[in-house]
Amino acid sequence: MEFHQFGADTDPDLLFVLGWGNQPTHAPVRWLIDRLAEAGWHVHTATIPVHITDVQREWVRPVERYADDLGRVPVLAHSAGGLTVAHADIDAETVTYLSPFWGFAPTSGGPLISLLARLPTDRRIIPRGGGDTDSLGEYGTEQQLADGADRISPAFLSTTARAHRTLPPIREDAVGFCSLTDDIVSTRAIGEHLPSDRIVLYDGGHELFSSGSREAHLDTLFAAIEDGAAAVKE
């Protein structure tokens, strides 16, 4: 796992756990990092590895260790970063989720996924399937897709499916942002784990920072990072 820092180190720290395949160099990701830094945060990004066999060992524990060194700070988490943070034992000031990967999308889940996940191999033999730049959002790029993976392993499916099944209760002041047209993660799973008054809907694809409506939601996002659920329940 890689960690990078952006903005002035004299500003308050913010931990941003990126999603599967995200890189801080991707234009839409960097757009949000820059907006966060301009708003006065010293942004620490966590880039999660793409090919894993154990969510706890390869995603959760490295984030826990880094967060422990930072102390009590706001945490922002996107997609698979949201799965990571939901499992992590972090004393966060606030937690804000962007399209958290708490379940497989209907188009990619189902009995076939369960069957493939049982194969005893970590070879990358399963086409990634689903998702194009439109699925990410209006500002999604081909580079974002290229930096993901063409194929995944049964071991990856198995460990992420297990993490979905064992998802802990989401903290009571957490806020989530998502689009009902997301075809990469399960929006139903988001609704099952977060009440509607702590979910902010936006128009666009899987990534808020790639969505055409991203500017319209910046103030609400910043408020959620600052104040948690109180910022969206008014």
C-alpha atoms as a PDB file:
ATOM      1  CA  MET A   1       0.000   0.000   0.000  1.00  0.00           C
ATOM      2  CA  GLU A   2       1.260   3.452  -0.868  1.00  0.00           C
ATOM      3  CA  PHE A   3       0.704   6.664   1.085  1.00  0.00           C
ATOM      4  CA  HIS A   4       1.204  10.200  -0.223  1.00  0.00           C
ATOM      5  CA  GLN A   5       0.676  13.676   1.191  1.00  0.00           C
ATOM      6  CA  PHE A   6      -0.759  16.797  -0.424  1.00  0.00           C
ATOM      7  CA  GLY A   7      -1.226  20.355   0.783  1.00  0.00           C
ATOM      8  CA  ALA A   8       0.422  22.286   3.584  1.00  0.00           C
ATOM      9  CA  ASP A   9       1.680  20.126   6.449  1.00  0.00           C
ATOM     10  CA  THR A  10       0.674  22.896   8.845  1.00  0.00           C
ATOM     11  CA  ASP A  11      -3.014  22.305   7.989  1.00  0.00           C
ATOM     12  CA  PRO A  12      -5.196  19.745   9.815  1.00  0.00           C
ATOM     13  CA  ASP A  13      -4.678  16.184   8.606  1.00  0.00           C
ATOM     14  CA  LEU A  14      -7.259  14.245   6.575  1.00  0.00           C
ATOM     15  CA  LEU A  15      -6.906  10.594   5.562  1.00  0.00           C
ATOM     16  CA  PHE A  16      -8.367   9.765   2.127  1.00  0.00           C
ATOM     17  CA  VAL A  17      -8.484   6.020   1.367  1.00  0.00           C
ATOM     18  CA  LEU A  18      -8.823   5.649  -2.386  1.00  0.00           C
ATOM     19  CA  GLY A  19     -10.843   3.047  -4.246  1.00  0.00           C
ATOM     20  CA  TRP A  20      -9.773  -0.019  -6.202  1.00  0.00           C
ATOM     21  CA  GLY A  21      -7.531   1.076  -9.078  1.00  0.00           C
ATOM     22  CA  ASN A  22      -7.528   4.747  -8.039  1.00  0.00           C
ATOM     23  CA  GLN A  23      -4.246   6.643  -8.132  1.00  0.00           C
ATOM     24  CA  PRO A  24      -3.675  10.168  -6.805  1.00  0.00           C
ATOM     25  CA  THR A  25      -2.265  11.025 -10.238  1.00  0.00           C
ATOM     26  CA  HIS A  26      -5.602  10.324 -11.962  1.00  0.00           C
ATOM     27  CA  ALA A  27      -7.071  13.653 -13.057  1.00  0.00           C
ATOM     28  CA  PRO A  28     -10.487  13.278 -11.323  1.00  0.00           C
ATOM     29  CA  VAL A  29      -8.898  11.975  -8.110  1.00  0.00           C
ATOM     30  CA  ARG A  30      -6.357  14.772  -8.105  1.00  0.00           C
ATOM     31  CA  TRP A  31      -9.170  17.256  -8.704  1.00  0.00           C
ATOM     32  CA  LEU A  32     -10.731  16.269  -5.368  1.00  0.00           C
ATOM     33  CA  ILE A  33      -7.383  16.135  -3.573  1.00  0.00           C
ATOM     34  CA  ASP A  34      -6.635  19.671  -4.759  1.00  0.00           C
ATOM     35  CA  ARG A  35     -10.057  20.929  -3.668  1.00  0.00           C
ATOM     36  CA  LEU A  36      -9.538  19.377  -0.215  1.00  0.00           C
ATOM     37  CA  ALA A  37      -6.107  20.963   0.092  1.00  0.00           C
ATOM     38  CA  GLU A  38      -7.462  24.334  -1.019  1.00  0.00           C
ATOM     39  CA  ALA A  39     -10.159  24.019   1.651  1.00  0.00           C
ATOM     40  CA  GLY A  40      -7.458  23.744   4.296  1.00  0.00           C
ATOM     41  CA  TRP A  41      -6.644  20.065   4.807  1.00  0.00           C
ATOM     42  CA  HIS A  42      -3.293  18.316   4.697  1.00  0.00           C
ATOM     43  CA  VAL A  43      -4.423  15.307   2.676  1.00  0.00           C
ATOM     44  CA  HIS A  44      -2.930  11.866   3.203  1.00  0.00           C
ATOM     45  CA  THR A  45      -3.942   9.412   0.475  1.00  0.00           C
ATOM     46  CA  ALA A  46      -3.864   5.627   0.790  1.00  0.00           C
ATOM     47  CA  THR A  47      -3.586   3.752  -2.515  1.00  0.00           C
ATOM     48  CA  ILE A  48      -4.789   0.199  -1.996  1.00  0.00           C
ATOM     49  CA  PRO A  49      -3.235  -2.704  -3.924  1.00  0.00           C
ATOM     50  CA  VAL A  50      -5.326  -4.077  -6.779  1.00  0.00           C
ATOM     51  CA  HIS A  51      -4.483  -7.776  -6.487  1.00  0.00           C
ATOM     52  CA  ILE A  52      -5.098  -9.145  -3.005  1.00  0.00           C
ATOM     53  CA  THR A  53      -6.051 -12.406  -1.337  1.00  0.00           C
ATOM     54  CA  ASP A  54      -6.854 -11.069   2.151  1.00  0.00           C
ATOM     55  CA  VAL A  55      -8.790  -7.842   2.786  1.00  0.00           C
ATOM     56  CA  GLN A  56      -7.785  -7.678   6.435  1.00  0.00           C
ATOM     57  CA  ARG A  57      -4.058  -8.245   5.899  1.00  0.00           C
ATOM     58  CA  GLU A  58      -3.573  -6.253   2.721  1.00  0.00           C
ATOM     59  CA  TRP A  59      -6.103  -3.434   3.003  1.00  0.00           C
ATOM     60  CA  VAL A  60      -7.360  -3.017   6.557  1.00  0.00           C
ATOM     61  CA  ARG A  61      -4.251  -3.426   8.701  1.00  0.00           C
ATOM     62  CA  PRO A  62      -1.979  -1.062   6.732  1.00  0.00           C
ATOM     63  CA  VAL A  63      -4.665   1.644   6.913  1.00  0.00           C
ATOM     64  CA  GLU A  64      -5.108   1.030  10.642  1.00  0.00           C
ATOM     65  CA  ARG A  65      -1.373   1.428  11.252  1.00  0.00           C
ATOM     66  CA  TYR A  66      -1.144   4.632   9.229  1.00  0.00           C
ATOM     67  CA  ALA A  67      -4.263   6.104  10.851  1.00  0.00           C
ATOM     68  CA  ASP A  68      -2.917   5.252  14.290  1.00  0.00           C
ATOM     69  CA  ASP A  69       0.205   7.315  13.558  1.00  0.00           C
ATOM     70  CA  LEU A  70      -1.941  10.255  12.384  1.00  0.00           C
ATOM     71  CA  GLY A  71      -4.122  10.283  15.479  1.00  0.00           C
ATOM     72  CA  ARG A  72      -7.770  11.361  15.538  1.00  0.00           C
ATOM     73  CA  VAL A  73      -8.465  12.886  12.108  1.00  0.00           C
ATOM     74  CA  PRO A  74     -11.334  12.931   9.598  1.00  0.00           C
ATOM     75  CA  VAL A  75     -11.396   9.961   7.227  1.00  0.00           C
ATOM     76  CA  LEU A  76     -12.728  10.016   3.662  1.00  0.00           C
ATOM     77  CA  ALA A  77     -13.076   6.687   1.853  1.00  0.00           C
ATOM     78  CA  HIS A  78     -14.098   5.791  -1.687  1.00  0.00           C
ATOM     79  CA  SER A  79     -15.434   2.448  -2.977  1.00  0.00           C
ATOM     80  CA  ALA A  80     -13.099  -0.380  -1.868  1.00  0.00           C
ATOM     81  CA  GLY A  81     -11.513   2.182   0.422  1.00  0.00           C
ATOM     82  CA  GLY A  82     -14.952   2.358   2.044  1.00  0.00           C
ATOM     83  CA  LEU A  83     -14.929  -1.402   2.589  1.00  0.00           C
ATOM     84  CA  THR A  84     -11.477  -1.062   4.119  1.00  0.00           C
ATOM     85  CA  VAL A  85     -12.401   1.768   6.476  1.00  0.00           C
ATOM     86  CA  ALA A  86     -15.650   0.087   7.568  1.00  0.00           C
ATOM     87  CA  HIS A  87     -13.589  -2.859   8.820  1.00  0.00           C
ATOM     88  CA  ALA A  88     -10.743  -0.803  10.251  1.00  0.00           C
ATOM     89  CA  ASP A  89     -10.393  -0.026  13.942  1.00  0.00           C
ATOM     90  CA  ILE A  90      -9.778   3.705  13.554  1.00  0.00           C
ATOM     91  CA  ASP A  91     -10.463   6.456  16.061  1.00  0.00           C
ATOM     92  CA  ALA A  92     -11.606   8.870  13.359  1.00  0.00           C
ATOM     93  CA  GLU A  93     -12.961  12.350  13.985  1.00  0.00           C
ATOM     94  CA  THR A  94     -15.562  11.779  11.246  1.00  0.00           C
ATOM     95  CA  VAL A  95     -16.003   9.164   8.506  1.00  0.00           C
ATOM     96  CA  THR A  96     -17.373  10.027   5.077  1.00  0.00           C
ATOM     97  CA  TYR A  97     -17.978   7.345   2.463  1.00  0.00           C
ATOM     98  CA  LEU A  98     -18.084   7.866  -1.303  1.00  0.00           C
ATOM     99  CA  SER A  99     -19.911   5.002  -3.072  1.00  0.00           C
ATOM    100  CA  PRO A 100     -18.628   2.380  -0.617  1.00  0.00           C
ATOM    101  CA  PHE A 101     -18.050  -1.134  -1.953  1.00  0.00           C
ATOM    102  CA  TRP A 102     -20.213  -2.973   0.570  1.00  0.00           C
ATOM    103  CA  GLY A 103     -21.647  -5.386  -1.975  1.00  0.00           C
ATOM    104  CA  PHE A 104     -21.327  -6.482  -5.573  1.00  0.00           C
ATOM    105  CA  ALA A 105     -23.500  -4.652  -8.103  1.00  0.00           C
ATOM    106  CA  PRO A 106     -26.408  -6.766  -9.434  1.00  0.00           C
ATOM    107  CA  THR A 107     -24.728  -6.922 -12.847  1.00  0.00           C
ATOM    108  CA  SER A 108     -21.556  -8.448 -11.385  1.00  0.00           C
ATOM    109  CA  GLY A 109     -22.865 -10.433  -8.427  1.00  0.00           C
ATOM    110  CA  GLY A 110     -25.115 -13.445  -8.096  1.00  0.00           C
ATOM    111  CA  PRO A 111     -24.565 -17.217  -8.081  1.00  0.00           C
ATOM    112  CA  LEU A 112     -21.745 -17.114 -10.631  1.00  0.00           C
ATOM    113  CA  ILE A 113     -19.624 -14.892  -8.395  1.00  0.00           C
ATOM    114  CA  SER A 114     -20.224 -17.250  -5.467  1.00  0.00           C
ATOM    115  CA  LEU A 115     -19.216 -20.202  -7.585  1.00  0.00           C
ATOM    116  CA  LEU A 116     -16.053 -18.560  -8.932  1.00  0.00           C
ATOM    117  CA  ALA A 117     -15.043 -17.406  -5.459  1.00  0.00           C
ATOM    118  CA  ARG A 118     -14.833 -21.031  -4.359  1.00  0.00           C
ATOM    119  CA  LEU A 119     -12.072 -21.874  -6.808  1.00  0.00           C
ATOM    120  CA  PRO A 120      -8.875 -22.489  -4.770  1.00  0.00           C
ATOM    121  CA  THR A 121      -6.526 -20.221  -6.698  1.00  0.00           C
ATOM    122  CA  ASP A 122      -5.114 -16.715  -6.669  1.00  0.00           C
ATOM    123  CA  ARG A 123      -4.438 -16.780 -10.416  1.00  0.00           C
ATOM    124  CA  ARG A 124      -6.002 -13.843 -12.252  1.00  0.00           C
ATOM    125  CA  ILE A 125      -8.286 -15.790 -14.532  1.00  0.00           C
ATOM    126  CA  ILE A 126     -11.590 -13.899 -14.312  1.00  0.00           C
ATOM    127  CA  PRO A 127     -12.228 -10.955 -16.677  1.00  0.00           C
ATOM    128  CA  ARG A 128     -12.960  -7.843 -14.663  1.00  0.00           C
ATOM    129  CA  GLY A 129     -16.114  -7.161 -16.662  1.00  0.00           C
ATOM    130  CA  GLY A 130     -18.457  -4.201 -16.319  1.00  0.00           C
ATOM    131  CA  GLY A 131     -17.516  -0.579 -16.056  1.00  0.00           C
ATOM    132  CA  ASP A 132     -16.316   1.961 -18.634  1.00  0.00           C
ATOM    133  CA  THR A 133     -15.546   5.643 -18.338  1.00  0.00           C
ATOM    134  CA  ASP A 134     -19.282   6.412 -18.348  1.00  0.00           C
ATOM    135  CA  SER A 135     -19.665   4.109 -15.355  1.00  0.00           C
ATOM    136  CA  LEU A 136     -17.103   6.214 -13.490  1.00  0.00           C
ATOM    137  CA  GLY A 137     -18.685   9.541 -14.438  1.00  0.00           C
ATOM    138  CA  GLU A 138     -18.551  12.340 -16.957  1.00  0.00           C
ATOM    139  CA  TYR A 139     -14.910  13.123 -16.129  1.00  0.00           C
ATOM    140  CA  GLY A 140     -13.770   9.498 -15.961  1.00  0.00           C
ATOM    141  CA  THR A 141     -10.672   8.665 -18.004  1.00  0.00           C
ATOM    142  CA  GLU A 142      -9.279   5.687 -19.873  1.00  0.00           C
ATOM    143  CA  GLN A 143      -6.183   5.909 -17.683  1.00  0.00           C
ATOM    144  CA  GLN A 144      -8.286   5.159 -14.622  1.00  0.00           C
ATOM    145  CA  LEU A 145      -9.552   1.967 -16.233  1.00  0.00           C
ATOM    146  CA  ALA A 146      -6.071   0.984 -17.439  1.00  0.00           C
ATOM    147  CA  ASP A 147      -4.622   1.327 -13.938  1.00  0.00           C
ATOM    148  CA  GLY A 148      -7.155  -1.136 -12.569  1.00  0.00           C
ATOM    149  CA  ALA A 149      -6.835  -4.729 -13.756  1.00  0.00           C
ATOM    150  CA  ASP A 150      -8.082  -6.658 -16.750  1.00  0.00           C
ATOM    151  CA  ARG A 151      -8.514  -9.799 -14.665  1.00  0.00           C
ATOM    152  CA  ILE A 152      -9.076 -10.687 -11.037  1.00  0.00           C
ATOM    153  CA  SER A 153      -8.626 -13.890  -9.088  1.00  0.00           C
ATOM    154  CA  PRO A 154     -11.098 -16.171  -7.314  1.00  0.00           C
ATOM    155  CA  ALA A 155      -9.158 -15.391  -4.134  1.00  0.00           C
ATOM    156  CA  PHE A 156      -9.938 -11.690  -4.618  1.00  0.00           C
ATOM    157  CA  LEU A 157     -13.643 -12.461  -5.026  1.00  0.00           C
ATOM    158  CA  SER A 158     -13.602 -14.717  -1.984  1.00  0.00           C
ATOM    159  CA  THR A 159     -11.950 -12.240   0.378  1.00  0.00           C
ATOM    160  CA  THR A 160     -14.081  -9.282  -0.716  1.00  0.00           C
ATOM    161  CA  ALA A 161     -17.283 -11.340  -0.515  1.00  0.00           C
ATOM    162  CA  ARG A 162     -16.299 -12.392   2.997  1.00  0.00           C
ATOM    163  CA  ALA A 163     -15.697  -8.741   3.904  1.00  0.00           C
ATOM    164  CA  HIS A 164     -19.189  -7.908   2.634  1.00  0.00           C
ATOM    165  CA  ARG A 165     -20.770 -10.647   4.732  1.00  0.00           C
ATOM    166  CA  THR A 166     -18.903  -9.634   7.880  1.00  0.00           C
ATOM    167  CA  LEU A 167     -19.267  -5.866   7.512  1.00  0.00           C
ATOM    168  CA  PRO A 168     -19.415  -4.328  11.003  1.00  0.00           C
ATOM    169  CA  PRO A 169     -22.130  -1.820  11.955  1.00  0.00           C
ATOM    170  CA  ILE A 170     -21.390   1.561  10.403  1.00  0.00           C
ATOM    171  CA  ARG A 171     -20.757   4.272  12.971  1.00  0.00           C
ATOM    172  CA  GLU A 172     -23.794   6.387  13.778  1.00  0.00           C
ATOM    173  CA  ASP A 173     -22.347   9.696  12.618  1.00  0.00           C
ATOM    174  CA  ALA A 174     -20.975   8.464   9.279  1.00  0.00           C
ATOM    175  CA  VAL A 175     -22.222   9.972   6.010  1.00  0.00           C
ATOM    176  CA  GLY A 176     -22.333   8.331   2.593  1.00  0.00           C
ATOM    177  CA  PHE A 177     -22.542   9.788  -0.912  1.00  0.00           C
ATOM    178  CA  CYS A 178     -23.754   7.678  -3.821  1.00  0.00           C
ATOM    179  CA  SER A 179     -25.522   7.706  -7.175  1.00  0.00           C
ATOM    180  CA  LEU A 180     -28.555   5.514  -7.806  1.00  0.00           C
ATOM    181  CA  THR A 181     -27.197   4.837 -11.302  1.00  0.00           C
ATOM    182  CA  ASP A 182     -23.981   3.311  -9.939  1.00  0.00           C
ATOM    183  CA  ASP A 183     -23.369   0.011 -11.746  1.00  0.00           C
ATOM    184  CA  ILE A 184     -20.052  -0.829 -10.064  1.00  0.00           C
ATOM    185  CA  VAL A 185     -21.115  -1.347  -6.442  1.00  0.00           C
ATOM    186  CA  SER A 186     -24.383  -2.331  -4.795  1.00  0.00           C
ATOM    187  CA  THR A 187     -26.449   0.723  -3.893  1.00  0.00           C
ATOM    188  CA  ARG A 188     -28.810  -1.624  -2.049  1.00  0.00           C
ATOM    189  CA  ALA A 189     -25.971  -2.609   0.280  1.00  0.00           C
ATOM    190  CA  ILE A 190     -25.319   1.076   0.977  1.00  0.00           C
ATOM    191  CA  GLY A 191     -28.989   1.567   1.846  1.00  0.00           C
ATOM    192  CA  GLU A 192     -28.946  -1.495   4.098  1.00  0.00           C
ATOM    193  CA  HIS A 193     -26.042  -0.148   6.155  1.00  0.00           C
ATOM    194  CA  LEU A 194     -26.749   3.596   6.187  1.00  0.00           C
ATOM    195  CA  PRO A 195     -30.127   5.236   6.916  1.00  0.00           C
ATOM    196  CA  SER A 196     -31.516   7.511   4.240  1.00  0.00           C
ATOM    197  CA  ASP A 197     -30.987  10.679   6.287  1.00  0.00           C
ATOM    198  CA  ARG A 198     -27.230  10.041   6.217  1.00  0.00           C
ATOM    199  CA  ILE A 199     -27.034   9.365   2.475  1.00  0.00           C
ATOM    200  CA  VAL A 200     -26.420  12.183   0.000  1.00  0.00           C
ATOM    201  CA  LEU A 201     -27.460  11.353  -3.561  1.00  0.00           C
ATOM    202  CA  TYR A 202     -25.743  12.834  -6.585  1.00  0.00           C
ATOM    203  CA  ASP A 203     -26.268  12.542 -10.339  1.00  0.00           C
ATOM    204  CA  GLY A 204     -23.525  10.672 -12.124  1.00  0.00           C
ATOM    205  CA  GLY A 205     -21.542   7.450 -12.067  1.00  0.00           C
ATOM    206  CA  HIS A 206     -19.620   5.540  -9.438  1.00  0.00           C
ATOM    207  CA  GLU A 207     -17.146   8.302  -8.603  1.00  0.00           C
ATOM    208  CA  LEU A 208     -18.359  11.565  -7.162  1.00  0.00           C
ATOM    209  CA  PHE A 209     -15.080  13.181  -8.184  1.00  0.00           C
ATOM    210  CA  SER A 210     -15.635  12.036 -11.795  1.00  0.00           C
ATOM    211  CA  SER A 211     -19.283  13.067 -11.863  1.00  0.00           C
ATOM    212  CA  GLY A 212     -20.592  16.039 -13.797  1.00  0.00           C
ATOM    213  CA  SER A 213     -22.314  17.227 -10.600  1.00  0.00           C
ATOM    214  CA  ARG A 214     -19.175  17.144  -8.464  1.00  0.00           C
ATOM    215  CA  GLU A 215     -18.886  20.920  -8.011  1.00  0.00           C
ATOM    216  CA  ALA A 216     -22.462  21.119  -6.721  1.00  0.00           C
ATOM    217  CA  HIS A 217     -21.680  18.716  -3.871  1.00  0.00           C
ATOM    218  CA  LEU A 218     -18.364  20.082  -2.652  1.00  0.00           C
ATOM    219  CA  ASP A 219     -19.790  22.233   0.130  1.00  0.00           C
ATOM    220  CA  THR A 220     -21.886  19.347   1.449  1.00  0.00           C
ATOM    221  CA  LEU A 221     -18.891  17.014   1.275  1.00  0.00           C
ATOM    222  CA  PHE A 222     -16.692  19.452   3.163  1.00  0.00           C
ATOM    223  CA  ALA A 223     -19.409  19.931   5.790  1.00  0.00           C
ATOM    224  CA  ALA A 224     -19.742  16.162   6.250  1.00  0.00           C
ATOM    225  CA  ILE A 225     -15.986  15.818   6.686  1.00  0.00           C
ATOM    226  CA  GLU A 226     -16.040  18.599   9.267  1.00  0.00           C
ATOM    227  CA  ASP A 227     -19.209  17.758  11.205  1.00  0.00           C
ATOM    228  CA  GLY A 228     -20.320  14.254  10.260  1.00  0.00           C
ATOM    229  CA  ALA A 229     -24.026  13.401  10.140  1.00  0.00           C
ATOM    230  CA  ALA A 230     -25.052  16.730  11.700  1.00  0.00           C
ATOM    231  CA  ALA A 231     -24.072  18.414   8.440  1.00  0.00           C
ATOM    232  CA  VAL A 232     -26.645  16.526   6.346  1.00  0.00           C
ATOM    233  CA  LYS A 233     -29.472  15.937   8.821  1.00  0.00           C
ATOM    234  CA  GLU A 234     -30.469  19.580   9.166  1.00  0.00           C
END
